[in-house]
């Protein structure tokens, strides 16, 4: 199982993103099941559509991403998971208790949800370009 982070999805669709090519390669592996079932969390779905619109002002791109994700949900290739309230509060504590040494070590609230959900689901991987997930003890793809 691999829990998807916002930045991996964003890089796949943002042609100018420095990780665009790598994101496409990783998504090919993800969609063929190399890392097990891909999991898209409700918070990541919210964040990706918001981020795309804020960064690009391109609502058509939001629609393409929504169509892409919905297509794979309908084929049961990607699973959509809503955050249960007990996990929400656990992630809230993770977010509030983090030690902020500098901005590079900061976890967003959504990142806290991703990490706690990956543990809760017993996921083997987190698909991300963010280096902050080491603290959850789950392998990050790409390495």
N, C-alpha and C. Protein backbone atom coordinates (compact mmCIF):
# COMPACT_ATOMS: atom_id res chain seq x y z
N UNK A 1 0.84 -1.17 0.00
CA UNK A 1 0.00 0.00 0.00
C UNK A 1 0.89 1.24 0.00
N UNK A 2 0.48 2.25 -0.76
CA UNK A 2 1.21 3.51 -0.82
C UNK A 2 0.22 4.67 -0.64
N UNK A 3 0.48 5.50 0.36
CA UNK A 3 -0.34 6.68 0.60
C UNK A 3 0.25 7.83 -0.20
N UNK A 4 -0.58 8.48 -0.99
CA UNK A 4 -0.12 9.54 -1.90
C UNK A 4 -0.12 10.91 -1.23
N UNK A 5 0.96 11.64 -1.45
CA UNK A 5 1.07 13.01 -0.95
C UNK A 5 0.72 13.98 -2.07
N UNK A 6 0.29 15.15 -1.69
CA UNK A 6 -0.13 16.19 -2.62
C UNK A 6 0.97 16.54 -3.62
N UNK A 7 2.21 16.67 -3.15
CA UNK A 7 3.26 17.14 -4.06
C UNK A 7 3.57 16.15 -5.18
N UNK A 8 3.35 14.88 -4.96
CA UNK A 8 3.55 13.89 -6.03
C UNK A 8 2.49 14.06 -7.12
N UNK A 9 1.26 14.26 -6.71
CA UNK A 9 0.18 14.46 -7.69
C UNK A 9 0.36 15.78 -8.41
N UNK A 10 0.70 16.82 -7.65
CA UNK A 10 0.92 18.14 -8.26
C UNK A 10 2.02 18.06 -9.32
N UNK A 11 3.13 17.43 -8.98
CA UNK A 11 4.26 17.33 -9.92
C UNK A 11 3.87 16.57 -11.19
N UNK A 12 3.00 15.60 -11.06
CA UNK A 12 2.56 14.85 -12.25
C UNK A 12 1.83 15.76 -13.24
N UNK A 13 1.04 16.69 -12.74
CA UNK A 13 0.21 17.51 -13.62
C UNK A 13 0.79 18.89 -13.93
N UNK A 14 1.74 19.35 -13.15
CA UNK A 14 2.33 20.67 -13.38
C UNK A 14 3.55 20.53 -14.28
N UNK A 15 3.37 20.85 -15.55
CA UNK A 15 4.43 20.64 -16.53
C UNK A 15 5.74 21.34 -16.16
N UNK A 16 5.67 22.48 -15.50
CA UNK A 16 6.87 23.22 -15.15
C UNK A 16 7.50 22.79 -13.84
N UNK A 17 6.91 21.85 -13.13
CA UNK A 17 7.45 21.42 -11.85
C UNK A 17 8.76 20.66 -12.06
N UNK A 18 9.74 20.92 -11.19
CA UNK A 18 11.05 20.27 -11.31
C UNK A 18 10.96 18.75 -11.20
N UNK A 19 9.92 18.22 -10.58
CA UNK A 19 9.77 16.78 -10.41
C UNK A 19 8.76 16.16 -11.37
N UNK A 20 8.35 16.91 -12.40
CA UNK A 20 7.30 16.44 -13.31
C UNK A 20 7.65 15.10 -13.96
N UNK A 21 8.83 14.99 -14.52
CA UNK A 21 9.22 13.76 -15.22
C UNK A 21 9.28 12.58 -14.24
N UNK A 22 9.89 12.79 -13.10
CA UNK A 22 10.00 11.72 -12.10
C UNK A 22 8.62 11.32 -11.58
N UNK A 23 7.73 12.30 -11.39
CA UNK A 23 6.38 12.00 -10.92
C UNK A 23 5.64 11.11 -11.91
N UNK A 24 5.79 11.37 -13.20
CA UNK A 24 5.16 10.52 -14.21
C UNK A 24 5.70 9.11 -14.16
N UNK A 25 7.00 8.97 -13.98
CA UNK A 25 7.61 7.64 -13.88
C UNK A 25 7.06 6.89 -12.65
N UNK A 26 7.01 7.59 -11.55
CA UNK A 26 6.51 6.97 -10.31
C UNK A 26 5.05 6.59 -10.45
N UNK A 27 4.25 7.47 -11.05
CA UNK A 27 2.83 7.16 -11.23
C UNK A 27 2.64 5.95 -12.12
N UNK A 28 3.48 5.77 -13.11
CA UNK A 28 3.38 4.55 -13.93
C UNK A 28 3.55 3.31 -13.05
N UNK A 29 4.53 3.35 -12.15
CA UNK A 29 4.74 2.23 -11.23
C UNK A 29 3.57 2.09 -10.25
N UNK A 30 3.09 3.21 -9.74
CA UNK A 30 1.99 3.18 -8.77
C UNK A 30 0.74 2.58 -9.40
N UNK A 31 0.40 3.03 -10.60
CA UNK A 31 -0.85 2.58 -11.23
C UNK A 31 -0.80 1.15 -11.75
N UNK A 32 0.40 0.58 -11.83
CA UNK A 32 0.51 -0.83 -12.20
C UNK A 32 0.65 -1.72 -10.97
N UNK A 33 0.55 -1.12 -9.77
CA UNK A 33 0.53 -1.89 -8.54
C UNK A 33 1.87 -2.24 -7.94
N UNK A 34 2.94 -1.63 -8.41
CA UNK A 34 4.29 -1.96 -7.91
C UNK A 34 4.41 -1.78 -6.40
N UNK A 35 3.70 -0.81 -5.84
CA UNK A 35 3.80 -0.51 -4.41
C UNK A 35 2.54 -0.90 -3.65
N UNK A 36 1.70 -1.71 -4.28
CA UNK A 36 0.44 -2.08 -3.66
C UNK A 36 -0.64 -1.06 -3.99
N UNK A 37 -1.73 -1.13 -3.28
CA UNK A 37 -2.88 -0.27 -3.53
C UNK A 37 -2.55 1.18 -3.20
N UNK A 38 -2.73 2.11 -4.16
CA UNK A 38 -2.54 3.54 -3.87
C UNK A 38 -3.74 4.08 -3.08
N UNK A 39 -3.43 4.86 -2.07
CA UNK A 39 -4.45 5.45 -1.20
C UNK A 39 -4.43 6.97 -1.37
N UNK A 40 -5.57 7.54 -1.66
CA UNK A 40 -5.73 8.99 -1.72
C UNK A 40 -6.63 9.40 -0.57
N UNK A 41 -6.11 10.24 0.30
CA UNK A 41 -6.86 10.68 1.46
C UNK A 41 -7.72 11.89 1.13
N UNK A 42 -8.81 12.04 1.86
CA UNK A 42 -9.70 13.18 1.65
C UNK A 42 -8.96 14.51 1.79
N UNK A 43 -8.06 14.61 2.75
CA UNK A 43 -7.31 15.86 2.94
C UNK A 43 -6.38 16.14 1.78
N UNK A 44 -5.80 15.10 1.20
CA UNK A 44 -4.92 15.28 0.04
C UNK A 44 -5.74 15.70 -1.17
N UNK A 45 -6.90 15.11 -1.36
CA UNK A 45 -7.77 15.49 -2.47
C UNK A 45 -8.13 16.97 -2.38
N UNK A 46 -8.51 17.41 -1.20
CA UNK A 46 -8.82 18.81 -0.97
C UNK A 46 -7.61 19.68 -1.29
N UNK A 47 -6.47 19.28 -0.76
CA UNK A 47 -5.26 20.09 -0.92
C UNK A 47 -4.79 20.16 -2.38
N UNK A 48 -4.89 19.06 -3.12
CA UNK A 48 -4.38 19.07 -4.50
C UNK A 48 -5.21 19.98 -5.39
N UNK A 49 -6.53 19.92 -5.28
CA UNK A 49 -7.35 20.80 -6.12
C UNK A 49 -7.16 22.26 -5.74
N UNK A 50 -7.05 22.53 -4.45
CA UNK A 50 -6.82 23.90 -3.99
C UNK A 50 -5.46 24.40 -4.46
N UNK A 51 -4.42 23.59 -4.28
CA UNK A 51 -3.06 23.98 -4.67
C UNK A 51 -2.95 24.24 -6.16
N UNK A 52 -3.53 23.37 -6.96
CA UNK A 52 -3.46 23.55 -8.41
C UNK A 52 -4.10 24.88 -8.80
N UNK A 53 -5.25 25.15 -8.23
CA UNK A 53 -5.92 26.40 -8.60
C UNK A 53 -5.14 27.63 -8.11
N UNK A 54 -4.66 27.57 -6.88
CA UNK A 54 -3.91 28.72 -6.33
C UNK A 54 -2.64 28.98 -7.13
N UNK A 55 -1.92 27.92 -7.47
CA UNK A 55 -0.64 28.10 -8.17
C UNK A 55 -0.79 28.40 -9.65
N UNK A 56 -1.81 27.84 -10.29
CA UNK A 56 -1.91 27.97 -11.75
C UNK A 56 -3.06 28.87 -12.21
N UNK A 57 -4.04 29.08 -11.36
CA UNK A 57 -5.27 29.81 -11.74
C UNK A 57 -5.95 29.16 -12.94
N UNK A 58 -5.72 27.86 -13.10
CA UNK A 58 -6.21 27.12 -14.25
C UNK A 58 -7.26 26.10 -13.77
N UNK A 59 -8.53 26.51 -13.83
CA UNK A 59 -9.60 25.62 -13.37
C UNK A 59 -9.72 24.39 -14.27
N UNK A 60 -9.39 24.52 -15.55
CA UNK A 60 -9.41 23.36 -16.45
C UNK A 60 -8.43 22.28 -15.98
N UNK A 61 -7.29 22.70 -15.46
CA UNK A 61 -6.33 21.73 -14.93
C UNK A 61 -6.91 21.03 -13.71
N UNK A 62 -7.60 21.77 -12.86
CA UNK A 62 -8.29 21.14 -11.71
C UNK A 62 -9.26 20.07 -12.20
N UNK A 63 -10.00 20.40 -13.24
CA UNK A 63 -10.97 19.45 -13.80
C UNK A 63 -10.27 18.21 -14.37
N UNK A 64 -9.11 18.39 -15.01
CA UNK A 64 -8.36 17.25 -15.56
C UNK A 64 -7.85 16.34 -14.44
N UNK A 65 -7.37 16.94 -13.37
CA UNK A 65 -6.89 16.15 -12.24
C UNK A 65 -8.05 15.39 -11.61
N UNK A 66 -9.17 16.07 -11.42
CA UNK A 66 -10.36 15.42 -10.85
C UNK A 66 -10.80 14.25 -11.73
N UNK A 67 -10.80 14.46 -13.03
CA UNK A 67 -11.21 13.40 -13.97
C UNK A 67 -10.23 12.22 -13.92
N UNK A 68 -8.94 12.52 -13.88
CA UNK A 68 -7.91 11.48 -13.79
C UNK A 68 -8.13 10.64 -12.52
N UNK A 69 -8.25 11.30 -11.38
CA UNK A 69 -8.41 10.59 -10.12
C UNK A 69 -9.72 9.80 -10.08
N UNK A 70 -10.79 10.42 -10.51
CA UNK A 70 -12.10 9.76 -10.51
C UNK A 70 -12.08 8.52 -11.41
N UNK A 71 -11.42 8.61 -12.55
CA UNK A 71 -11.29 7.47 -13.45
C UNK A 71 -10.65 6.28 -12.74
N UNK A 72 -9.59 6.54 -11.99
CA UNK A 72 -8.92 5.44 -11.28
C UNK A 72 -9.68 5.00 -10.04
N UNK A 73 -10.46 5.89 -9.41
CA UNK A 73 -11.34 5.46 -8.32
C UNK A 73 -12.37 4.49 -8.87
N UNK A 74 -12.98 4.85 -9.99
CA UNK A 74 -14.03 4.03 -10.58
C UNK A 74 -13.53 2.67 -11.03
N UNK A 75 -12.25 2.57 -11.35
CA UNK A 75 -11.66 1.30 -11.76
C UNK A 75 -11.08 0.54 -10.56
N UNK A 76 -11.24 1.09 -9.37
CA UNK A 76 -10.69 0.51 -8.14
C UNK A 76 -9.17 0.34 -8.20
N UNK A 77 -8.51 1.24 -8.91
CA UNK A 77 -7.05 1.23 -8.98
C UNK A 77 -6.49 2.10 -7.85
N UNK A 78 -7.17 3.18 -7.53
CA UNK A 78 -6.82 4.05 -6.41
C UNK A 78 -7.99 4.00 -5.43
N UNK A 79 -7.66 3.88 -4.15
CA UNK A 79 -8.70 3.85 -3.13
C UNK A 79 -8.77 5.22 -2.44
N UNK A 80 -9.99 5.71 -2.27
CA UNK A 80 -10.22 6.98 -1.58
C UNK A 80 -10.57 6.67 -0.13
N UNK A 81 -9.84 7.29 0.80
CA UNK A 81 -10.05 7.02 2.22
C UNK A 81 -10.34 8.32 2.95
N UNK A 82 -11.44 8.33 3.69
CA UNK A 82 -11.78 9.48 4.51
C UNK A 82 -11.17 9.31 5.90
N UNK A 83 -10.75 10.41 6.46
CA UNK A 83 -10.08 10.39 7.75
C UNK A 83 -11.09 10.22 8.88
N UNK A 84 -10.97 9.12 9.64
CA UNK A 84 -11.87 8.95 10.78
C UNK A 84 -11.52 9.97 11.89
N UNK A 85 -12.50 10.30 12.72
CA UNK A 85 -12.29 11.36 13.71
C UNK A 85 -11.17 11.04 14.69
N UNK A 86 -11.03 9.78 15.11
CA UNK A 86 -9.96 9.46 16.06
C UNK A 86 -8.58 9.68 15.44
N UNK A 87 -8.45 9.42 14.14
CA UNK A 87 -7.18 9.66 13.46
C UNK A 87 -6.94 11.15 13.24
N UNK A 88 -8.01 11.88 12.99
CA UNK A 88 -7.92 13.33 12.87
C UNK A 88 -7.29 13.92 14.13
N UNK A 89 -7.78 13.49 15.29
CA UNK A 89 -7.28 14.05 16.55
C UNK A 89 -5.86 13.58 16.85
N UNK A 90 -5.51 12.39 16.44
CA UNK A 90 -4.12 11.91 16.61
C UNK A 90 -3.20 12.75 15.73
N UNK A 91 -3.59 12.99 14.49
CA UNK A 91 -2.79 13.82 13.58
C UNK A 91 -2.71 15.26 14.10
N UNK A 92 -3.79 15.72 14.70
CA UNK A 92 -3.78 17.06 15.28
C UNK A 92 -2.70 17.16 16.37
N UNK A 93 -2.59 16.13 17.20
CA UNK A 93 -1.55 16.12 18.23
C UNK A 93 -0.15 16.05 17.62
N UNK A 94 0.00 15.25 16.57
CA UNK A 94 1.29 15.18 15.87
C UNK A 94 1.67 16.55 15.35
N UNK A 95 0.72 17.23 14.75
CA UNK A 95 0.96 18.57 14.21
C UNK A 95 1.34 19.55 15.32
N UNK A 96 0.58 19.54 16.41
CA UNK A 96 0.80 20.52 17.48
C UNK A 96 2.06 20.26 18.30
N UNK A 97 2.48 19.01 18.39
CA UNK A 97 3.64 18.67 19.22
C UNK A 97 4.96 18.65 18.46
N UNK A 98 4.93 18.88 17.18
CA UNK A 98 6.18 18.79 16.43
C UNK A 98 7.17 19.85 16.90
N UNK A 99 8.41 19.47 16.80
CA UNK A 99 9.48 20.38 17.17
C UNK A 99 9.92 21.12 15.92
N UNK A 100 9.72 22.42 15.91
CA UNK A 100 10.08 23.21 14.73
C UNK A 100 11.47 23.79 14.94
N UNK A 101 12.45 23.12 14.36
CA UNK A 101 13.83 23.61 14.42
C UNK A 101 14.03 24.65 13.34
N UNK A 102 13.53 24.36 12.17
CA UNK A 102 13.52 25.34 11.08
C UNK A 102 12.39 24.94 10.12
N UNK A 103 12.06 25.79 9.19
CA UNK A 103 10.92 25.54 8.30
C UNK A 103 11.07 24.27 7.48
N UNK A 104 12.29 23.81 7.24
CA UNK A 104 12.48 22.59 6.45
C UNK A 104 12.02 21.35 7.20
N UNK A 105 11.85 21.43 8.51
CA UNK A 105 11.43 20.28 9.29
C UNK A 105 9.97 20.35 9.68
N UNK A 106 9.26 21.30 9.17
CA UNK A 106 7.87 21.53 9.54
C UNK A 106 6.94 20.59 8.78
N UNK A 107 6.03 19.95 9.50
CA UNK A 107 4.98 19.14 8.88
C UNK A 107 3.70 19.96 8.82
N UNK A 108 3.07 20.00 7.65
CA UNK A 108 1.77 20.65 7.56
C UNK A 108 0.74 19.75 8.26
N UNK A 109 -0.44 20.27 8.48
CA UNK A 109 -1.49 19.46 9.07
C UNK A 109 -1.82 18.27 8.16
N UNK A 110 -1.89 18.53 6.85
CA UNK A 110 -2.17 17.43 5.91
C UNK A 110 -1.06 16.39 5.95
N UNK A 111 0.20 16.82 6.06
CA UNK A 111 1.30 15.86 6.19
C UNK A 111 1.14 15.02 7.46
N UNK A 112 0.69 15.64 8.53
CA UNK A 112 0.46 14.91 9.78
C UNK A 112 -0.63 13.85 9.58
N UNK A 113 -1.68 14.21 8.87
CA UNK A 113 -2.75 13.25 8.54
C UNK A 113 -2.18 12.11 7.70
N UNK A 114 -1.39 12.43 6.68
CA UNK A 114 -0.81 11.41 5.80
C UNK A 114 0.04 10.43 6.60
N UNK A 115 0.93 10.95 7.44
CA UNK A 115 1.81 10.08 8.22
C UNK A 115 1.05 9.19 9.19
N UNK A 116 0.12 9.78 9.92
CA UNK A 116 -0.66 8.99 10.88
C UNK A 116 -1.56 7.98 10.17
N UNK A 117 -2.13 8.36 9.03
CA UNK A 117 -2.98 7.43 8.28
C UNK A 117 -2.14 6.27 7.72
N UNK A 118 -0.93 6.58 7.25
CA UNK A 118 -0.06 5.52 6.73
C UNK A 118 0.25 4.50 7.81
N UNK A 119 0.50 4.96 9.03
CA UNK A 119 0.74 4.04 10.15
C UNK A 119 -0.53 3.25 10.45
N UNK A 120 -1.66 3.94 10.54
CA UNK A 120 -2.94 3.31 10.87
C UNK A 120 -3.33 2.24 9.86
N UNK A 121 -3.04 2.51 8.57
CA UNK A 121 -3.37 1.55 7.51
C UNK A 121 -2.29 0.48 7.34
N UNK A 122 -1.21 0.59 8.10
CA UNK A 122 -0.07 -0.31 7.96
C UNK A 122 0.51 -0.27 6.55
N UNK A 123 0.61 0.95 6.02
CA UNK A 123 1.12 1.16 4.68
C UNK A 123 2.63 0.96 4.64
N UNK A 124 3.12 0.42 3.54
CA UNK A 124 4.56 0.22 3.37
C UNK A 124 5.27 1.46 2.85
N UNK A 125 4.51 2.35 2.16
CA UNK A 125 5.13 3.48 1.48
C UNK A 125 4.29 4.75 1.58
N UNK A 126 4.99 5.88 1.45
CA UNK A 126 4.34 7.17 1.21
C UNK A 126 4.94 7.70 -0.08
N UNK A 127 4.08 8.05 -1.03
CA UNK A 127 4.53 8.61 -2.32
C UNK A 127 4.64 10.12 -2.19
N UNK A 128 5.87 10.63 -2.14
CA UNK A 128 6.08 12.06 -1.89
C UNK A 128 7.47 12.50 -2.33
N UNK A 129 7.59 13.78 -2.58
CA UNK A 129 8.91 14.39 -2.79
C UNK A 129 9.36 15.12 -1.53
N UNK A 130 8.58 15.02 -0.49
CA UNK A 130 8.83 15.72 0.78
C UNK A 130 9.69 14.83 1.68
N UNK A 131 10.72 15.39 2.25
CA UNK A 131 11.62 14.62 3.10
C UNK A 131 11.22 14.57 4.56
N UNK A 132 10.05 15.07 4.89
CA UNK A 132 9.66 15.18 6.29
C UNK A 132 8.99 13.93 6.87
N UNK A 133 8.79 12.92 6.05
CA UNK A 133 8.04 11.75 6.53
C UNK A 133 8.90 10.70 7.22
N UNK A 134 10.22 10.92 7.27
CA UNK A 134 11.11 9.98 7.92
C UNK A 134 10.68 9.70 9.36
N UNK A 135 10.11 10.69 10.01
CA UNK A 135 9.74 10.57 11.42
C UNK A 135 8.64 9.54 11.65
N UNK A 136 7.94 9.12 10.59
CA UNK A 136 6.88 8.11 10.75
C UNK A 136 7.41 6.69 10.56
N UNK A 137 8.66 6.55 10.12
CA UNK A 137 9.25 5.23 9.96
C UNK A 137 8.70 4.45 8.78
N UNK A 138 8.22 5.15 7.76
CA UNK A 138 7.66 4.49 6.58
C UNK A 138 8.49 4.88 5.37
N UNK A 139 8.77 3.92 4.51
CA UNK A 139 9.61 4.19 3.34
C UNK A 139 8.94 5.20 2.41
N UNK A 140 9.75 6.12 1.93
CA UNK A 140 9.29 7.17 1.02
C UNK A 140 9.68 6.81 -0.40
N UNK A 141 8.72 6.97 -1.32
CA UNK A 141 8.95 6.75 -2.75
C UNK A 141 8.72 8.08 -3.46
N UNK A 142 9.65 8.63 -4.24
CA UNK A 142 10.98 8.08 -4.54
C UNK A 142 11.93 8.27 -3.37
N UNK A 143 12.97 7.47 -3.39
CA UNK A 143 13.97 7.51 -2.31
C UNK A 143 14.86 8.71 -2.47
